[in-house]
N, C-alpha and C. Protein backbone atom coordinates (compact mmCIF):
# COMPACT_ATOMS: atom_id res chain seq x y z
N UNK A 1 5.20 27.40 17.08
CA UNK A 1 5.63 26.89 15.93
C UNK A 1 5.77 25.26 16.45
N UNK A 2 6.47 25.00 17.48
CA UNK A 2 6.97 24.30 17.88
C UNK A 2 5.64 22.91 18.14
N UNK A 3 4.55 23.64 19.20
CA UNK A 3 3.55 22.52 19.10
C UNK A 3 2.80 22.28 17.89
N UNK A 4 2.60 22.94 16.51
CA UNK A 4 1.87 22.46 15.71
C UNK A 4 3.15 21.74 14.96
N UNK A 5 4.45 21.69 15.06
CA UNK A 5 4.98 20.95 14.32
C UNK A 5 5.07 19.13 14.95
N UNK A 6 4.50 19.17 16.30
CA UNK A 6 4.57 18.16 17.40
C UNK A 6 3.47 17.54 16.74
N UNK A 7 2.07 18.29 16.92
CA UNK A 7 0.93 17.69 16.03
C UNK A 7 1.12 17.12 14.91
N UNK A 8 1.52 17.47 13.56
CA UNK A 8 1.88 17.35 12.56
C UNK A 8 2.55 15.98 12.47
N UNK A 9 3.73 15.83 13.22
CA UNK A 9 4.77 15.00 13.50
C UNK A 9 4.00 14.12 14.11
N UNK A 10 2.92 13.91 14.95
CA UNK A 10 2.12 12.83 15.97
C UNK A 10 1.22 12.22 14.67
N UNK A 11 0.34 13.05 13.75
CA UNK A 11 -0.47 13.11 13.09
C UNK A 11 -0.10 11.92 11.63
N UNK A 12 1.25 12.56 11.25
CA UNK A 12 2.11 11.69 10.14
C UNK A 12 2.49 10.18 10.80
N UNK A 13 3.02 10.58 12.04
CA UNK A 13 3.18 9.18 12.23
C UNK A 13 2.59 7.76 12.64
N UNK A 14 1.16 8.62 12.98
CA UNK A 14 -0.14 7.71 13.57
C UNK A 14 -0.78 6.93 12.16
N UNK A 15 -0.57 8.11 11.36
CA UNK A 15 -1.23 7.28 10.04
C UNK A 15 -0.37 6.47 9.25
N UNK A 16 1.27 6.68 9.38
CA UNK A 16 1.91 5.49 8.64
C UNK A 16 2.01 4.25 9.47
N UNK A 17 2.13 4.36 10.57
CA UNK A 17 2.11 2.92 11.03
C UNK A 17 1.00 2.15 11.11
N UNK A 18 -0.17 3.00 11.13
CA UNK A 18 -1.68 2.49 10.84
C UNK A 18 -1.81 2.06 9.69
N UNK A 19 -0.84 1.81 8.14
CA UNK A 19 -1.30 2.11 6.95
C UNK A 19 -0.46 0.65 6.85
N UNK A 20 1.21 0.65 7.89
CA UNK A 20 2.02 -0.58 7.47
C UNK A 20 1.57 -1.50 8.32
N UNK A 21 0.69 -1.17 9.26
CA UNK A 21 0.31 -2.32 10.16
C UNK A 21 -0.99 -3.03 9.29
N UNK A 22 -2.10 -2.19 8.67
CA UNK A 22 -3.06 -2.79 7.39
C UNK A 22 -2.31 -3.50 6.66
N UNK A 23 -1.29 -3.08 6.00
CA UNK A 23 -0.86 -4.23 4.89
C UNK A 23 -0.03 -4.83 5.69
N UNK A 24 0.27 -5.07 6.50
CA UNK A 24 1.11 -6.43 7.42
C UNK A 24 0.04 -7.09 7.43
N UNK A 25 -1.17 -7.13 8.29
CA UNK A 25 -2.19 -7.80 8.35
C UNK A 25 -2.76 -8.88 7.29
N UNK A 26 -2.88 -7.50 6.26
CA UNK A 26 -3.40 -8.39 4.95
C UNK A 26 -2.49 -9.22 4.16
N UNK A 27 -1.29 -8.69 4.17
CA UNK A 27 -0.58 -9.73 3.67
C UNK A 27 -0.37 -11.18 4.54
N UNK A 28 -0.26 -10.67 5.63
CA UNK A 28 -0.65 -12.60 6.93
C UNK A 28 -1.83 -13.20 6.38
N UNK A 29 -3.15 -12.04 6.12
CA UNK A 29 -3.99 -13.02 5.74
C UNK A 29 -4.24 -13.87 4.48
N UNK A 30 -3.13 -13.10 3.68
CA UNK A 30 -3.12 -13.61 1.97
C UNK A 30 -1.98 -14.63 1.88
N UNK A 31 -1.34 -14.89 3.21
CA UNK A 31 0.25 -15.56 2.93
C UNK A 31 -0.59 -17.40 2.49
N UNK A 32 -1.80 -17.77 2.96
CA UNK A 32 -1.86 -18.93 3.14
C UNK A 32 -2.65 -19.20 1.63
N UNK A 33 -2.87 -18.13 1.16
CA UNK A 33 -3.60 -19.10 -0.33
C UNK A 33 -1.90 -18.34 -1.42
N UNK A 34 -1.78 -17.50 -1.30
CA UNK A 34 -0.26 -17.36 -2.13
C UNK A 34 0.55 -18.49 -2.72
N UNK A 35 0.47 -19.49 -1.69
CA UNK A 35 1.38 -20.58 -2.81
C UNK A 35 0.88 -21.40 -3.74
N UNK A 36 -0.83 -20.82 -4.18
CA UNK A 36 -1.53 -21.52 -4.97
C UNK A 36 -0.90 -20.99 -5.91
N UNK A 37 -1.03 -21.89 -7.34
CA UNK A 37 -0.83 -20.97 -8.45
C UNK A 37 -1.12 -19.81 -9.05
N UNK A 38 -2.61 -20.36 -9.48
CA UNK A 38 -3.61 -19.60 -9.51
C UNK A 38 -3.82 -18.14 -9.11
N UNK A 39 -3.52 -18.24 -7.71
CA UNK A 39 -3.73 -17.00 -6.88
C UNK A 39 -3.01 -16.25 -7.09
N UNK A 40 -1.69 -16.78 -7.13
CA UNK A 40 -0.38 -15.88 -7.39
C UNK A 40 -0.27 -15.25 -8.56
N UNK A 41 -0.88 -15.73 -9.62
CA UNK A 41 -0.75 -15.30 -11.11
C UNK A 41 -1.86 -14.44 -11.22
N UNK A 42 -3.24 -14.44 -10.71
CA UNK A 42 -4.13 -13.52 -10.35
C UNK A 42 -3.55 -12.23 -9.30
N UNK A 43 -2.83 -12.52 -8.56
CA UNK A 43 -2.74 -11.31 -7.37
C UNK A 43 -1.27 -10.65 -8.10
N UNK A 44 -0.27 -11.44 -9.18
CA UNK A 44 0.65 -10.77 -10.12
C UNK A 44 0.22 -9.67 -10.75
N UNK A 45 -0.99 -10.16 -11.37
CA UNK A 45 -1.36 -9.23 -12.49
C UNK A 45 -2.19 -8.20 -12.24
N UNK A 46 -3.26 -8.21 -10.83
CA UNK A 46 -3.86 -7.10 -10.67
C UNK A 46 -2.86 -6.04 -10.14
N UNK A 47 -1.93 -6.70 -9.08
CA UNK A 47 -0.89 -5.61 -8.81
C UNK A 47 -0.02 -5.02 -9.82
N UNK A 48 0.09 -6.00 -11.13
CA UNK A 48 0.93 -5.18 -12.21
C UNK A 48 0.27 -4.07 -13.01
N UNK A 49 -1.18 -4.16 -13.35
CA UNK A 49 -2.26 -3.87 -13.75
C UNK A 49 -2.24 -2.15 -12.76
N UNK A 50 -2.06 -2.23 -11.26
CA UNK A 50 -2.75 -1.26 -10.58
C UNK A 50 -1.37 -0.35 -10.96
N UNK A 51 -0.37 -0.72 -11.09
CA UNK A 51 1.18 0.14 -11.20
C UNK A 51 1.41 0.78 -12.37
N UNK A 52 1.00 -0.17 -13.45
CA UNK A 52 0.70 0.42 -14.92
C UNK A 52 -0.83 1.63 -14.91
N UNK A 53 -1.51 1.54 -14.21
CA UNK A 53 -2.59 2.35 -13.86
C UNK A 53 -1.94 3.93 -13.32
N UNK A 54 -1.07 3.73 -12.51
CA UNK A 54 -0.60 4.44 -12.04
C UNK A 54 0.75 5.65 -12.83
N UNK A 55 1.37 4.66 -13.59
CA UNK A 55 2.73 5.38 -14.65
C UNK A 55 1.33 6.02 -15.77
N UNK A 56 0.35 5.53 -16.37
CA UNK A 56 -0.63 6.19 -16.95
C UNK A 56 -0.80 7.55 -16.29
N UNK A 57 -1.63 7.40 -15.50
CA UNK A 57 -1.99 8.53 -14.72
C UNK A 57 -0.88 9.67 -14.31
N UNK A 58 0.57 8.85 -13.94
CA UNK A 58 1.59 10.33 -13.85
C UNK A 58 1.91 10.48 -15.03
N UNK A 59 1.87 10.07 -16.41
CA UNK A 59 2.48 10.48 -17.32
C UNK A 59 1.08 11.45 -18.27
N UNK A 60 -0.05 10.85 -17.88
CA UNK A 60 -0.82 12.00 -18.12
C UNK A 60 -1.09 13.10 -17.57
N UNK A 61 -0.48 13.36 -16.14
CA UNK A 61 -0.49 14.81 -15.07
C UNK A 61 0.29 15.75 -15.85
N UNK A 62 1.35 15.69 -16.86
CA UNK A 62 2.41 15.93 -17.34
C UNK A 62 1.95 17.30 -18.01
C-alpha cells in the first residue's frame, strides 16, 4: 500500500507542477500584451465567460 501511495503522490505532484509551470509560462508570454487596453478587455471578457460557463455547468449538474 505504501508503494501505491508513493506512485499516486508522485504522479499527482508531477501533473500539478507541470500545470502550474504551463500557466506561468503562458502568463509570462501574455504579460507584454496585457497592458494594451483592448487586449486586457478581451481577456477579461473571455475569462469571465469561461467562469460563467463553469457556473452554468455546475448548476445544471445538480
